[in-house]
C-alpha atoms as a PDB file:
ATOM      1  CA  MET A   1      93.127  68.803 155.654  1.00  0.00           C
ATOM      2  CA  LEU A   2      90.833  69.144 152.812  1.00  0.00           C
ATOM      3  CA  ARG A   3      90.424  72.496 153.570  1.00  0.00           C
ATOM      4  CA  ARG A   4      93.811  73.312 153.675  1.00  0.00           C
ATOM      5  CA  ALA A   5      93.987  71.669 150.336  1.00  0.00           C
ATOM      6  CA  ALA A   6      91.345  73.859 149.238  1.00  0.00           C
ATOM      7  CA  GLU A   7      92.744  76.988 150.625  1.00  0.00           C
ATOM      8  CA  TRP A   8      96.274  76.165 148.448  1.00  0.00           C
ATOM      9  CA  THR A   9      94.173  75.432 145.506  1.00  0.00           C
ATOM     10  CA  ARG A  10      92.493  78.880 145.842  1.00  0.00           C
ATOM     11  CA  ALA A  11      95.786  80.275 146.616  1.00  0.00           C
ATOM     12  CA  GLY A  12      97.281  78.853 143.382  1.00  0.00           C
ATOM     13  CA  ALA A  13      94.195  79.958 141.068  1.00  0.00           C
ATOM     14  CA  ALA A  14      94.492  83.831 142.570  1.00  0.00           C
ATOM     15  CA  VAL A  15      98.755  83.901 142.174  1.00  0.00           C
ATOM     16  CA  THR A  16      97.482  82.211 138.395  1.00  0.00           C
ATOM     17  CA  SER A  17      95.105  84.959 137.816  1.00  0.00           C
ATOM     18  CA  GLY A  18      97.465  88.219 139.150  1.00  0.00           C
ATOM     19  CA  VAL A  19     100.169  86.724 136.909  1.00  0.00           C
ATOM     20  CA  ALA A  20      97.825  86.755 134.141  1.00  0.00           C
ATOM     21  CA  GLU A  21      96.815  90.859 135.541  1.00  0.00           C
ATOM     22  CA  VAL A  22     100.397  91.702 136.053  1.00  0.00           C
ATOM     23  CA  TRP A  23     101.691  90.452 132.501  1.00  0.00           C
ATOM     24  CA  ASN A  24      98.920  92.685 131.082  1.00  0.00           C
ATOM     25  CA  HIS A  25     100.432  95.510 132.403  1.00  0.00           C
ATOM     26  CA  ARG A  26     103.884  94.944 131.592  1.00  0.00           C
ATOM     27  CA  ASP A  27     104.262  97.937 129.807  1.00  0.00           C
ATOM     28  CA  ALA A  28     103.832  99.830 133.053  1.00  0.00           C
ATOM     29  CA  LEU A  29     105.880  97.794 135.343  1.00  0.00           C
ATOM     30  CA  ARG A  30     108.702  97.997 132.833  1.00  0.00           C
ATOM     31  CA  LEU A  31     108.402 101.962 132.680  1.00  0.00           C
ATOM     32  CA  LEU A  32     108.188 101.510 137.027  1.00  0.00           C
ATOM     33  CA  VAL A  33     111.391  99.557 136.633  1.00  0.00           C
ATOM     34  CA  ARG A  34     113.456 102.181 134.461  1.00  0.00           C
ATOM     35  CA  ARG A  35     112.286 105.180 136.889  1.00  0.00           C
ATOM     36  CA  ASP A  36     113.467 103.111 139.826  1.00  0.00           C
ATOM     37  CA  LEU A  37     116.715 102.867 138.021  1.00  0.00           C
ATOM     38  CA  ALA A  38     117.039 106.369 137.168  1.00  0.00           C
ATOM     39  CA  VAL A  39     116.384 107.725 140.197  1.00  0.00           C
ATOM     40  CA  LYS A  40     118.599 105.478 142.673  1.00  0.00           C
ATOM     41  CA  TYR A  41     121.705 106.354 139.855  1.00  0.00           C
ATOM     42  CA  GLN A  42     120.636 109.857 138.651  1.00  0.00           C
ATOM     43  CA  GLN A  43     123.142 111.764 140.484  1.00  0.00           C
ATOM     44  CA  SER A  44     125.939 109.175 140.901  1.00  0.00           C
ATOM     45  CA  LEU A  45     128.874 110.092 138.941  1.00  0.00           C
ATOM     46  CA  LEU A  46     129.668 106.053 138.530  1.00  0.00           C
ATOM     47  CA  GLY A  47     126.108 105.855 137.568  1.00  0.00           C
ATOM     48  CA  TYR A  48     125.134 101.882 137.204  1.00  0.00           C
ATOM     49  CA  LEU A  49     128.793 101.034 137.428  1.00  0.00           C
ATOM     50  CA  TRP A  50     127.781 101.068 141.491  1.00  0.00           C
ATOM     51  CA  SER A  51     125.729  97.639 140.994  1.00  0.00           C
ATOM     52  CA  LEU A  52     129.185  96.114 140.130  1.00  0.00           C
ATOM     53  CA  ILE A  53     131.669  97.987 142.068  1.00  0.00           C
ATOM     54  CA  GLU A  54     130.455  97.202 145.287  1.00  0.00           C
ATOM     55  CA  PRO A  55     129.989  93.610 145.031  1.00  0.00           C
ATOM     56  CA  LEU A  56     133.349  93.620 143.920  1.00  0.00           C
ATOM     57  CA  ALA A  57     134.716  95.739 146.408  1.00  0.00           C
ATOM     58  CA  MET A  58     132.730  92.962 148.689  1.00  0.00           C
ATOM     59  CA  GLY A  59     134.328  90.013 146.951  1.00  0.00           C
ATOM     60  CA  ALA A  60     138.111  91.578 147.442  1.00  0.00           C
ATOM     61  CA  ILE A  61     137.664  92.464 151.035  1.00  0.00           C
ATOM     62  CA  TYR A  62     136.580  88.497 151.848  1.00  0.00           C
ATOM     63  CA  TRP A  63     139.167  87.216 149.206  1.00  0.00           C
ATOM     64  CA  PHE A  64     142.331  89.008 151.502  1.00  0.00           C
ATOM     65  CA  VAL A  65     140.513  87.902 154.970  1.00  0.00           C
ATOM     66  CA  PHE A  66     139.515  84.399 154.151  1.00  0.00           C
ATOM     67  CA  GLY A  67     141.955  83.421 151.049  1.00  0.00           C
ATOM     68  CA  VAL A  68     145.053  85.504 152.132  1.00  0.00           C
ATOM     69  CA  LEU A  69     145.428  85.680 155.667  1.00  0.00           C
ATOM     70  CA  TYR A  70     143.241  82.344 156.873  1.00  0.00           C
ATOM     71  CA  GLY A  71     143.884  80.259 153.173  1.00  0.00           C
ATOM     72  CA  THR A  72     140.628  79.420 152.763  1.00  0.00           C
ATOM     73  CA  GLY A  73     141.094  78.424 149.569  1.00  0.00           C
ATOM     74  CA  ARG A  74     142.663  75.539 150.302  1.00  0.00           C
ATOM     75  CA  HIS A  75     139.274  74.039 151.357  1.00  0.00           C
ATOM     76  CA  LEU A  76     137.440  74.600 148.367  1.00  0.00           C
ATOM     77  CA  GLY A  77     138.388  72.060 146.043  1.00  0.00           C
ATOM     78  CA  ALA A  78     137.588  72.682 142.051  1.00  0.00           C
ATOM     79  CA  ALA A  79     137.695  76.189 143.736  1.00  0.00           C
ATOM     80  CA  ASP A  80     141.168  75.824 145.121  1.00  0.00           C
ATOM     81  CA  ASP A  81     143.085  78.208 142.633  1.00  0.00           C
ATOM     82  CA  SER A  82     139.848  80.330 141.435  1.00  0.00           C
ATOM     83  CA  TYR A  83     138.683  81.955 144.790  1.00  0.00           C
ATOM     84  CA  PRO A  84     138.168  85.257 143.731  1.00  0.00           C
ATOM     85  CA  LEU A  85     135.366  83.779 141.111  1.00  0.00           C
ATOM     86  CA  PHE A  86     133.858  81.625 143.920  1.00  0.00           C
ATOM     87  CA  LEU A  87     133.634  84.681 145.803  1.00  0.00           C
ATOM     88  CA  VAL A  88     132.141  86.748 142.962  1.00  0.00           C
ATOM     89  CA  THR A  89     129.255  84.400 141.967  1.00  0.00           C
ATOM     90  CA  GLY A  90     128.036  83.763 145.251  1.00  0.00           C
ATOM     91  CA  ILE A  91     128.371  87.753 146.393  1.00  0.00           C
ATOM     92  CA  PHE A  92     127.167  88.744 142.733  1.00  0.00           C
ATOM     93  CA  ALA A  93     123.751  86.620 143.131  1.00  0.00           C
ATOM     94  CA  TRP A  94     123.392  87.612 146.981  1.00  0.00           C
ATOM     95  CA  SER A  95     123.604  91.340 146.071  1.00  0.00           C
ATOM     96  CA  TRP A  96     120.359  90.706 143.788  1.00  0.00           C
ATOM     97  CA  ALA A  97     118.898  88.975 147.113  1.00  0.00           C
ATOM     98  CA  ASN A  98     119.545  91.109 149.467  1.00  0.00           C
ATOM     99  CA  SER A  99     118.881  94.252 148.057  1.00  0.00           C
ATOM    100  CA  ALA A 100     114.981  93.356 146.501  1.00  0.00           C
ATOM    101  CA  VAL A 101     114.540  92.255 150.059  1.00  0.00           C
ATOM    102  CA  SER A 102     115.730  95.499 151.436  1.00  0.00           C
ATOM    103  CA  GLU A 103     113.885  97.441 148.714  1.00  0.00           C
ATOM    104  CA  ALA A 104     110.375  95.448 149.397  1.00  0.00           C
ATOM    105  CA  THR A 105     109.780  96.897 152.717  1.00  0.00           C
ATOM    106  CA  THR A 106     109.386  99.759 150.918  1.00  0.00           C
ATOM    107  CA  ALA A 107     108.203  99.238 148.033  1.00  0.00           C
ATOM    108  CA  LEU A 108     104.558 100.172 149.266  1.00  0.00           C
ATOM    109  CA  THR A 109     105.338 102.726 151.788  1.00  0.00           C
ATOM    110  CA  GLY A 110     107.613 104.630 149.508  1.00  0.00           C
ATOM    111  CA  GLN A 111     104.841 104.809 146.699  1.00  0.00           C
ATOM    112  CA  ALA A 112     101.769 105.149 148.755  1.00  0.00           C
ATOM    113  CA  ARG A 113     100.503 108.206 145.860  1.00  0.00           C
ATOM    114  CA  LEU A 114     100.828 106.269 143.013  1.00  0.00           C
ATOM    115  CA  ILE A 115      99.398 102.973 144.208  1.00  0.00           C
ATOM    116  CA  THR A 116      96.298 104.778 145.586  1.00  0.00           C
ATOM    117  CA  THR A 117      95.869 106.813 142.270  1.00  0.00           C
ATOM    118  CA  MET A 118      97.022 105.028 139.418  1.00  0.00           C
ATOM    119  CA  LYS A 119      94.742 102.135 137.903  1.00  0.00           C
ATOM    120  CA  LEU A 120      97.544  98.680 138.345  1.00  0.00           C
ATOM    121  CA  PRO A 121      97.997  96.286 140.124  1.00  0.00           C
ATOM    122  CA  ARG A 122      99.531  96.752 143.215  1.00  0.00           C
ATOM    123  CA  GLN A 123     102.015  93.858 142.715  1.00  0.00           C
ATOM    124  CA  VAL A 124     103.942  95.686 140.266  1.00  0.00           C
ATOM    125  CA  PHE A 125     105.471  97.941 142.782  1.00  0.00           C
ATOM    126  CA  PRO A 126     107.069  95.380 145.071  1.00  0.00           C
ATOM    127  CA  LEU A 127     107.770  92.946 141.665  1.00  0.00           C
ATOM    128  CA  GLY A 128     109.531  96.030 140.514  1.00  0.00           C
ATOM    129  CA  ARG A 129     111.746  96.200 142.920  1.00  0.00           C
ATOM    130  CA  VAL A 130     113.101  92.431 142.499  1.00  0.00           C
ATOM    131  CA  ILE A 131     113.120  93.331 138.508  1.00  0.00           C
ATOM    132  CA  GLY A 132     115.327  96.294 138.987  1.00  0.00           C
ATOM    133  CA  ARG A 133     117.468  94.529 141.013  1.00  0.00           C
ATOM    134  CA  PHE A 134     117.645  91.766 138.581  1.00  0.00           C
ATOM    135  CA  ALA A 135     118.658  93.710 135.857  1.00  0.00           C
ATOM    136  CA  GLU A 136     122.116  94.816 137.708  1.00  0.00           C
ATOM    137  CA  TYR A 137     122.678  91.757 138.513  1.00  0.00           C
ATOM    138  CA  LEU A 138     122.411  90.923 134.450  1.00  0.00           C
ATOM    139  CA  ALA A 139     125.063  93.802 134.355  1.00  0.00           C
ATOM    140  CA  GLY A 140     127.452  91.930 136.430  1.00  0.00           C
ATOM    141  CA  LEU A 141     127.487  88.721 134.409  1.00  0.00           C
ATOM    142  CA  PRO A 142     130.058  89.895 132.194  1.00  0.00           C
ATOM    143  CA  VAL A 143     132.348  90.519 134.765  1.00  0.00           C
ATOM    144  CA  LEU A 144     131.773  86.834 135.641  1.00  0.00           C
ATOM    145  CA  VAL A 145     132.432  85.606 132.497  1.00  0.00           C
ATOM    146  CA  ALA A 146     135.781  87.162 132.098  1.00  0.00           C
ATOM    147  CA  LEU A 147     137.028  85.940 135.694  1.00  0.00           C
ATOM    148  CA  ALA A 148     135.773  82.529 134.470  1.00  0.00           C
ATOM    149  CA  ILE A 149     138.192  82.335 131.470  1.00  0.00           C
ATOM    150  CA  TYR A 150     141.063  84.388 133.792  1.00  0.00           C
ATOM    151  CA  PHE A 151     141.245  80.968 135.705  1.00  0.00           C
ATOM    152  CA  ASP A 152     140.236  78.800 133.085  1.00  0.00           C
ATOM    153  CA  LYS A 153     136.436  78.049 134.371  1.00  0.00           C
ATOM    154  CA  LEU A 154     134.549  78.466 131.176  1.00  0.00           C
ATOM    155  CA  HIS A 155     132.799  75.209 130.454  1.00  0.00           C
ATOM    156  CA  VAL A 156     130.403  75.243 127.403  1.00  0.00           C
ATOM    157  CA  GLY A 157     127.859  72.414 127.984  1.00  0.00           C
ATOM    158  CA  LEU A 158     125.083  70.902 130.072  1.00  0.00           C
ATOM    159  CA  SER A 159     126.346  73.063 133.414  1.00  0.00           C
ATOM    160  CA  LEU A 160     125.472  76.638 131.777  1.00  0.00           C
ATOM    161  CA  LEU A 161     122.081  75.585 132.274  1.00  0.00           C
ATOM    162  CA  ALA A 162     122.433  75.534 135.391  1.00  0.00           C
ATOM    163  CA  LEU A 163     122.012  79.798 135.374  1.00  0.00           C
ATOM    164  CA  PRO A 164     118.880  80.057 133.975  1.00  0.00           C
ATOM    165  CA  LEU A 165     117.273  77.898 136.235  1.00  0.00           C
ATOM    166  CA  ALA A 166     118.892  79.198 139.350  1.00  0.00           C
ATOM    167  CA  VAL A 167     117.441  82.880 137.732  1.00  0.00           C
ATOM    168  CA  LEU A 168     114.052  81.555 137.674  1.00  0.00           C
ATOM    169  CA  LEU A 169     114.239  79.718 140.986  1.00  0.00           C
ATOM    170  CA  GLN A 170     115.730  83.046 142.886  1.00  0.00           C
ATOM    171  CA  PHE A 171     113.124  85.269 141.073  1.00  0.00           C
ATOM    172  CA  ALA A 172     110.058  83.244 142.328  1.00  0.00           C
ATOM    173  CA  LEU A 173     111.503  83.404 145.904  1.00  0.00           C
ATOM    174  CA  LEU A 174     112.251  86.809 145.906  1.00  0.00           C
ATOM    175  CA  ALA A 175     108.899  87.582 143.885  1.00  0.00           C
ATOM    176  CA  GLY A 176     107.002  85.990 146.737  1.00  0.00           C
ATOM    177  CA  VAL A 177     109.497  87.422 149.492  1.00  0.00           C
ATOM    178  CA  ALA A 178     108.713  90.683 148.437  1.00  0.00           C
ATOM    179  CA  LEU A 179     104.937  90.480 148.079  1.00  0.00           C
ATOM    180  CA  LEU A 180     104.905  89.504 151.602  1.00  0.00           C
ATOM    181  CA  LEU A 181     107.543  91.974 153.304  1.00  0.00           C
ATOM    182  CA  SER A 182     106.066  94.833 151.350  1.00  0.00           C
ATOM    183  CA  SER A 183     102.464  94.070 152.181  1.00  0.00           C
ATOM    184  CA  VAL A 184     102.965  93.381 155.789  1.00  0.00           C
ATOM    185  CA  THR A 185     105.325  96.129 156.429  1.00  0.00           C
ATOM    186  CA  VAL A 186     102.685  98.613 155.612  1.00  0.00           C
ATOM    187  CA  LEU A 187     101.028  97.403 158.877  1.00  0.00           C
ATOM    188  CA  VAL A 188     103.521  96.847 161.150  1.00  0.00           C
ATOM    189  CA  ARG A 189     106.269  98.910 160.473  1.00  0.00           C
ATOM    190  CA  ASP A 190     108.969  96.576 162.786  1.00  0.00           C
ATOM    191  CA  VAL A 191     109.252  94.315 159.915  1.00  0.00           C
ATOM    192  CA  ASP A 192     111.663  96.509 158.331  1.00  0.00           C
ATOM    193  CA  ARG A 193     114.386  96.350 160.934  1.00  0.00           C
ATOM    194  CA  ILE A 194     113.631  92.255 161.440  1.00  0.00           C
ATOM    195  CA  THR A 195     114.423  91.880 157.955  1.00  0.00           C
ATOM    196  CA  ARG A 196     117.826  93.954 158.181  1.00  0.00           C
ATOM    197  CA  LEU A 197     118.714  91.366 161.277  1.00  0.00           C
ATOM    198  CA  LEU A 198     117.561  88.434 159.437  1.00  0.00           C
ATOM    199  CA  THR A 199     119.059  89.362 156.016  1.00  0.00           C
ATOM    200  CA  ARG A 200     122.220  89.757 157.677  1.00  0.00           C
ATOM    201  CA  LEU A 201     122.058  86.587 159.574  1.00  0.00           C
ATOM    202  CA  LEU A 202     121.142  84.857 155.840  1.00  0.00           C
ATOM    203  CA  PHE A 203     124.401  85.517 154.171  1.00  0.00           C
ATOM    204  CA  TYR A 204     126.213  83.925 156.617  1.00  0.00           C
ATOM    205  CA  ALA A 205     124.052  80.633 157.019  1.00  0.00           C
ATOM    206  CA  THR A 206     124.370  80.394 153.190  1.00  0.00           C
ATOM    207  CA  PRO A 207     127.502  79.104 151.073  1.00  0.00           C
ATOM    208  CA  ILE A 208     128.233  82.397 149.539  1.00  0.00           C
ATOM    209  CA  ILE A 209     131.748  82.878 150.725  1.00  0.00           C
ATOM    210  CA  TYR A 210     132.742  79.189 151.604  1.00  0.00           C
ATOM    211  CA  PRO A 211     131.485  76.027 149.904  1.00  0.00           C
ATOM    212  CA  LEU A 212     129.059  73.681 151.064  1.00  0.00           C
ATOM    213  CA  SER A 213     131.429  71.006 151.984  1.00  0.00           C
ATOM    214  CA  LEU A 214     132.475  72.681 154.973  1.00  0.00           C
ATOM    215  CA  VAL A 215     129.123  72.671 156.171  1.00  0.00           C
ATOM    216  CA  ARG A 216     128.704  68.898 155.636  1.00  0.00           C
ATOM    217  CA  HIS A 217     131.923  67.737 156.519  1.00  0.00           C
ATOM    218  CA  SER A 218     131.923  70.411 159.951  1.00  0.00           C
ATOM    219  CA  ARG A 219     131.267  68.586 163.759  1.00  0.00           C
ATOM    220  CA  LEU A 220     127.580  70.237 163.635  1.00  0.00           C
ATOM    221  CA  PRO A 221     124.842  68.062 164.970  1.00  0.00           C
ATOM    222  CA  GLU A 222     122.856  65.903 162.147  1.00  0.00           C
ATOM    223  CA  TRP A 223     119.688  68.427 162.867  1.00  0.00           C
ATOM    224  CA  VAL A 224     121.536  71.450 162.056  1.00  0.00           C
ATOM    225  CA  LYS A 225     122.797  69.956 159.231  1.00  0.00           C
ATOM    226  CA  ILE A 226     119.644  69.112 157.464  1.00  0.00           C
ATOM    227  CA  GLY A 227     118.062  72.221 158.720  1.00  0.00           C
ATOM    228  CA  TYR A 228     120.791  74.058 156.903  1.00  0.00           C
ATOM    229  CA  GLU A 229     119.713  72.475 153.976  1.00  0.00           C
ATOM    230  CA  LEU A 230     116.106  73.224 154.269  1.00  0.00           C
ATOM    231  CA  ASN A 231     117.279  76.865 153.228  1.00  0.00           C
ATOM    232  CA  PRO A 232     116.098  76.918 149.551  1.00  0.00           C
ATOM    233  CA  LEU A 233     118.905  79.583 148.744  1.00  0.00           C
ATOM    234  CA  VAL A 234     121.878  76.766 149.570  1.00  0.00           C
ATOM    235  CA  GLY A 235     120.347  75.281 146.514  1.00  0.00           C
ATOM    236  CA  ILE A 236     120.152  77.815 144.392  1.00  0.00           C
ATOM    237  CA  PHE A 237     123.828  79.508 145.009  1.00  0.00           C
ATOM    238  CA  GLN A 238     124.669  75.755 144.433  1.00  0.00           C
ATOM    239  CA  LEU A 239     123.207  75.930 141.005  1.00  0.00           C
ATOM    240  CA  HIS A 240     125.217  79.572 140.101  1.00  0.00           C
ATOM    241  CA  ARG A 241     127.972  78.254 141.031  1.00  0.00           C
ATOM    242  CA  ALA A 242     127.537  74.831 138.843  1.00  0.00           C
ATOM    243  CA  VAL A 243     128.197  77.381 135.958  1.00  0.00           C
ATOM    244  CA  TRP A 244     131.336  77.748 136.592  1.00  0.00           C
ATOM    245  CA  TYR A 245     132.471  74.250 138.984  1.00  0.00           C
ATOM    246  CA  PRO A 246     129.993  71.553 137.319  1.00  0.00           C
ATOM    247  CA  GLY A 247     130.640  69.590 140.750  1.00  0.00           C
ATOM    248  CA  GLU A 248     128.825  71.939 143.024  1.00  0.00           C
ATOM    249  CA  PHE A 249     125.651  71.021 140.836  1.00  0.00           C
ATOM    250  CA  PRO A 250     122.995  70.349 143.844  1.00  0.00           C
ATOM    251  CA  SER A 251     121.913  67.197 144.511  1.00  0.00           C
ATOM    252  CA  ALA A 252     118.315  65.692 143.534  1.00  0.00           C
ATOM    253  CA  GLY A 253     117.040  66.462 147.442  1.00  0.00           C
ATOM    254  CA  LEU A 254     118.687  69.798 147.652  1.00  0.00           C
ATOM    255  CA  LEU A 255     117.532  70.370 144.737  1.00  0.00           C
ATOM    256  CA  ALA A 256     113.893  69.670 145.338  1.00  0.00           C
ATOM    257  CA  VAL A 257     114.278  72.287 148.390  1.00  0.00           C
ATOM    258  CA  SER A 258     115.226  74.664 146.527  1.00  0.00           C
ATOM    259  CA  VAL A 259     111.878  74.068 144.147  1.00  0.00           C
ATOM    260  CA  VAL A 260     109.568  73.608 146.176  1.00  0.00           C
ATOM    261  CA  GLY A 261     110.482  76.372 149.385  1.00  0.00           C
ATOM    262  CA  SER A 262     110.569  79.096 146.132  1.00  0.00           C
ATOM    263  CA  ALA A 263     107.348  78.268 145.308  1.00  0.00           C
ATOM    264  CA  THR A 264     106.028  77.862 148.564  1.00  0.00           C
ATOM    265  CA  LEU A 265     106.865  81.110 148.880  1.00  0.00           C
ATOM    266  CA  LEU A 266     105.792  82.675 146.020  1.00  0.00           C
ATOM    267  CA  VAL A 267     101.990  81.162 146.201  1.00  0.00           C
ATOM    268  CA  ALA A 268     102.372  82.180 149.991  1.00  0.00           C
ATOM    269  CA  GLY A 269     103.084  86.291 149.348  1.00  0.00           C
ATOM    270  CA  TRP A 270     101.002  86.694 146.257  1.00  0.00           C
ATOM    271  CA  TRP A 271      98.079  85.253 148.848  1.00  0.00           C
ATOM    272  CA  VAL A 272      99.065  87.360 151.727  1.00  0.00           C
ATOM    273  CA  PHE A 273      99.444  90.337 149.207  1.00  0.00           C
ATOM    274  CA  ARG A 274      96.195  89.478 148.429  1.00  0.00           C
ATOM    275  CA  ARG A 275      94.319  89.016 151.854  1.00  0.00           C
ATOM    276  CA  LEU A 276      95.902  91.865 153.429  1.00  0.00           C
ATOM    277  CA  GLU A 277      95.438  94.641 150.012  1.00  0.00           C
ATOM    278  CA  ARG A 278      92.294  96.286 151.260  1.00  0.00           C
ATOM    279  CA  ALA A 279      94.553  96.550 155.049  1.00  0.00           C
ATOM    280  CA  VAL A 280      97.319  97.955 152.980  1.00  0.00           C
ATOM    281  CA  LEU A 281      95.257 100.574 150.688  1.00  0.00           C
ATOM    282  CA  LYS A 282      93.707 101.727 154.066  1.00  0.00           C
ATOM    283  CA  GLU A 283      96.349 102.514 155.943  1.00  0.00           C
ATOM    284  CA  LEU A 284      98.513 104.186 153.039  1.00  0.00           C
END
């Protein structure tokens, strides 16, 4: 146990020093993010609008299927009369997570020449993917505010603090996952396919298109419900929703799971990245 504690202490120290190193190269990181965004939309007529159109289209489809055809709205409590806002809030946050994780698997393999020639901390490449997708998420916030105003769900109060907390936890979680996946994928290329499968499953295993209350009041065995709430994204998505629906603010236990889970993934991801860095550079 003492040995394990020492390992985690060293991992924490590595993360601290690594963060300082990345911060010292923040200008290069900013340029990489701008380049990725420019390349992603350079031949698109609608450009950055696609970062809004795709999640809004998904929201419209799920609203029609579950809100209109199946009448899921009557199970939403405070969101009974605002299911589109409920949906889009979750889908915007999920789009950031899904895109960041998907692009993290190619963050190193797709930029091998830059990585082997530029004198930069290699963490900036997967972190750049997370930050780039976060910029797209920020572009959708005005849409959420407009929907909140339309459905009379814009509350000026402490509930607004749930948003920066949700963003902070989600960024930490995604940064850890991106560092982990980007390095492991270089050595085991099957990770990319496995990741795509797991993200599809995770979409339905997180309260995005349905409320958490449906899971808690379902007939699922208690051990399944407990396992479900051990997913750090559950508490994070509840925080995203709490901005418009204060009653959705996660319980202390659920919030603790999200905080501990996000911090653990960040430290673990950074530690694995540093341990595999030499092997990754040889493979690239």
